[in-house]
């Protein structure tokens, strides 16, 4: 099955954060209807901004236009990389890729500790037992939770991500 993603970028001026006649520029990424915004760490005089673009032929305007083109190109490159790597394309993933924020890698021990900590108050002995000896469900939380440390990492991850 082929998933089709919609992807777009837009640049916005934050006039409410204007300082010394200059307003910061934000980039909005939209993927499948979900949006996220972040600052591109540049500001522009409000008089040079028109409908999401920098207008004029001054050196500052040309430099800023080129910078925004580069931001857009890098975002598109990260989008293509996510698609090529068969990863889930989300606005968070694109923003993090652009900003250089890497996903934290968890060890199996960290995942088990997280799992046990999250379920500590939700499960009690004697709650509903699944036919498998490795899985128990709580009457307060009907999802099934693996309890055996020999379960695969995939099972633990899928349980935590629900």
Protein backbone atom coordinates (compact mmCIF):
# COMPACT_ATOMS: atom_id res chain seq x y z
CA UNK A 1 0.00 0.00 0.00
CA UNK A 2 1.36 3.41 -0.94
CA UNK A 3 0.90 6.32 1.44
CA UNK A 4 0.61 9.72 -0.14
CA UNK A 5 1.75 12.61 2.03
CA UNK A 6 0.98 16.25 1.47
CA UNK A 7 3.84 18.57 2.31
CA UNK A 8 4.14 22.34 2.17
CA UNK A 9 6.10 25.18 3.71
CA UNK A 10 5.19 28.81 4.26
CA UNK A 11 6.99 31.71 5.86
CA UNK A 12 5.18 33.99 8.29
CA UNK A 13 5.99 37.28 9.91
CA UNK A 14 5.33 37.56 13.64
CA UNK A 15 4.36 41.22 13.92
CA UNK A 16 3.40 40.76 17.58
CA UNK A 17 7.07 40.07 18.38
CA UNK A 18 8.35 43.08 16.47
CA UNK A 19 11.39 44.79 17.99
CA UNK A 20 13.06 47.93 16.64
CA UNK A 21 10.85 47.88 13.54
CA UNK A 22 11.92 44.32 12.65
CA UNK A 23 9.72 41.25 12.96
CA UNK A 24 10.97 37.65 13.24
CA UNK A 25 10.29 35.24 10.41
CA UNK A 26 8.75 31.86 11.19
CA UNK A 27 8.52 28.81 8.97
CA UNK A 28 5.31 26.78 8.96
CA UNK A 29 5.53 23.16 7.88
CA UNK A 30 2.34 21.34 6.97
CA UNK A 31 2.21 17.56 6.49
CA UNK A 32 -1.14 15.84 5.95
CA UNK A 33 -3.01 18.75 7.53
CA UNK A 34 -0.82 18.91 10.65
CA UNK A 35 1.13 22.15 11.17
CA UNK A 36 4.12 23.23 13.19
CA UNK A 37 6.02 26.50 13.25
CA UNK A 38 9.54 27.45 14.21
CA UNK A 39 11.71 30.53 13.99
CA UNK A 40 14.24 30.70 11.15
CA UNK A 41 16.35 33.02 13.33
CA UNK A 42 16.04 35.96 10.96
CA UNK A 43 14.05 39.15 11.14
CA UNK A 44 12.98 41.63 8.50
CA UNK A 45 11.64 45.18 8.47
CA UNK A 46 7.86 44.88 8.17
CA UNK A 47 7.89 47.19 5.13
CA UNK A 48 9.93 44.58 3.18
CA UNK A 49 7.44 41.76 3.83
CA UNK A 50 4.57 40.98 1.45
CA UNK A 51 2.40 37.83 1.57
CA UNK A 52 5.03 35.44 2.85
CA UNK A 53 7.87 36.82 0.74
CA UNK A 54 10.54 39.46 1.04
CA UNK A 55 10.04 42.22 -1.49
CA UNK A 56 12.51 44.69 -2.90
CA UNK A 57 15.94 44.60 -4.53
CA UNK A 58 18.08 45.82 -1.68
CA UNK A 59 21.05 43.70 -0.64
CA UNK A 60 19.25 42.76 2.58
CA UNK A 61 16.13 41.65 0.70
CA UNK A 62 18.12 39.53 -1.81
CA UNK A 63 20.15 37.90 0.96
CA UNK A 64 17.06 37.13 3.00
CA UNK A 65 15.21 35.71 -0.03
CA UNK A 66 18.17 33.40 -0.73
CA UNK A 67 18.29 32.29 2.90
CA UNK A 68 14.56 31.43 2.87
CA UNK A 69 15.03 29.46 -0.36
CA UNK A 70 17.80 27.48 1.34
CA UNK A 71 15.58 26.78 4.36
CA UNK A 72 12.84 25.56 2.03
CA UNK A 73 15.28 23.39 0.06
CA UNK A 74 16.71 21.81 3.23
CA UNK A 75 13.23 21.04 4.53
CA UNK A 76 12.34 19.41 1.21
CA UNK A 77 15.59 17.42 1.33
CA UNK A 78 14.74 16.14 4.82
CA UNK A 79 11.23 15.27 3.59
CA UNK A 80 12.70 13.25 0.72
CA UNK A 81 15.15 11.52 3.08
CA UNK A 82 12.35 10.48 5.42
CA UNK A 83 10.42 9.06 2.48
CA UNK A 84 13.50 7.27 1.13
CA UNK A 85 14.23 5.75 4.55
CA UNK A 86 10.61 4.56 4.79
CA UNK A 87 10.12 6.53 8.00
CA UNK A 88 6.90 8.12 9.15
CA UNK A 89 6.76 11.68 7.82
CA UNK A 90 5.39 14.01 10.48
CA UNK A 91 5.76 17.72 11.11
CA UNK A 92 7.74 16.94 14.27
CA UNK A 93 10.10 14.63 12.40
CA UNK A 94 10.73 17.27 9.71
CA UNK A 95 11.26 20.06 12.21
CA UNK A 96 13.62 17.93 14.29
CA UNK A 97 15.56 16.83 11.21
CA UNK A 98 15.96 20.44 10.07
CA UNK A 99 16.98 21.66 13.53
CA UNK A 100 19.35 18.73 14.01
CA UNK A 101 17.47 17.25 16.95
CA UNK A 102 18.04 13.51 16.89
CA UNK A 103 15.62 10.93 18.16
CA UNK A 104 16.73 9.50 21.47
CA UNK A 105 17.72 5.87 21.25
CA UNK A 106 16.50 3.80 24.19
CA UNK A 107 18.12 0.67 25.55
CA UNK A 108 15.99 -2.34 26.38
CA UNK A 109 16.63 -1.76 30.09
CA UNK A 110 15.43 1.88 29.81
CA UNK A 111 12.28 0.73 28.01
CA UNK A 112 11.56 -1.92 30.62
CA UNK A 113 12.09 0.60 33.45
CA UNK A 114 9.79 3.10 31.72
CA UNK A 115 7.20 0.39 31.16
CA UNK A 116 7.29 -0.78 34.78
CA UNK A 117 7.16 2.78 36.11
CA UNK A 118 4.15 3.66 33.94
CA UNK A 119 2.21 0.57 34.98
CA UNK A 120 3.17 0.51 38.63
CA UNK A 121 -0.10 2.07 39.80
CA UNK A 122 -2.29 0.75 36.97
CA UNK A 123 -1.92 -2.98 37.52
CA UNK A 124 -2.65 -5.03 40.58
CA UNK A 125 -2.22 -8.73 41.21
CA UNK A 126 -5.44 -10.55 40.53
CA UNK A 127 -6.61 -8.25 37.75
CA UNK A 128 -7.87 -9.79 34.53
CA UNK A 129 -5.37 -12.34 33.21
CA UNK A 130 -4.79 -12.85 29.50
CA UNK A 131 -4.60 -16.47 28.26
CA UNK A 132 -0.90 -15.93 27.64
CA UNK A 133 1.09 -16.20 30.89
CA UNK A 134 3.17 -13.18 29.84
CA UNK A 135 0.36 -10.65 29.47
CA UNK A 136 -1.95 -9.09 32.08
CA UNK A 137 -4.68 -6.48 31.71
CA UNK A 138 -6.03 -4.21 34.40
CA UNK A 139 -9.68 -3.45 34.91
CA UNK A 140 -8.67 0.22 35.08
CA UNK A 141 -6.70 0.01 31.85
CA UNK A 142 -8.02 -2.61 29.43
CA UNK A 143 -4.94 -2.66 27.21
CA UNK A 144 -2.74 -5.71 27.54
CA UNK A 145 0.75 -5.15 28.86
CA UNK A 146 3.69 -7.53 28.52
CA UNK A 147 5.25 -8.39 31.85
CA UNK A 148 7.97 -10.85 30.82
CA UNK A 149 11.42 -9.33 30.24
CA UNK A 150 12.05 -11.84 27.45
CA UNK A 151 9.52 -10.20 25.15
CA UNK A 152 10.86 -8.71 21.99
CA UNK A 153 11.74 -5.05 21.74
CA UNK A 154 9.07 -4.67 19.08
CA UNK A 155 6.33 -5.80 21.46
CA UNK A 156 7.50 -3.41 24.14
CA UNK A 157 7.78 -0.49 21.73
CA UNK A 158 4.36 -1.11 20.21
CA UNK A 159 2.82 -1.27 23.67
CA UNK A 160 4.48 1.96 24.77
CA UNK A 161 3.49 3.80 21.59
CA UNK A 162 -0.25 3.06 21.94
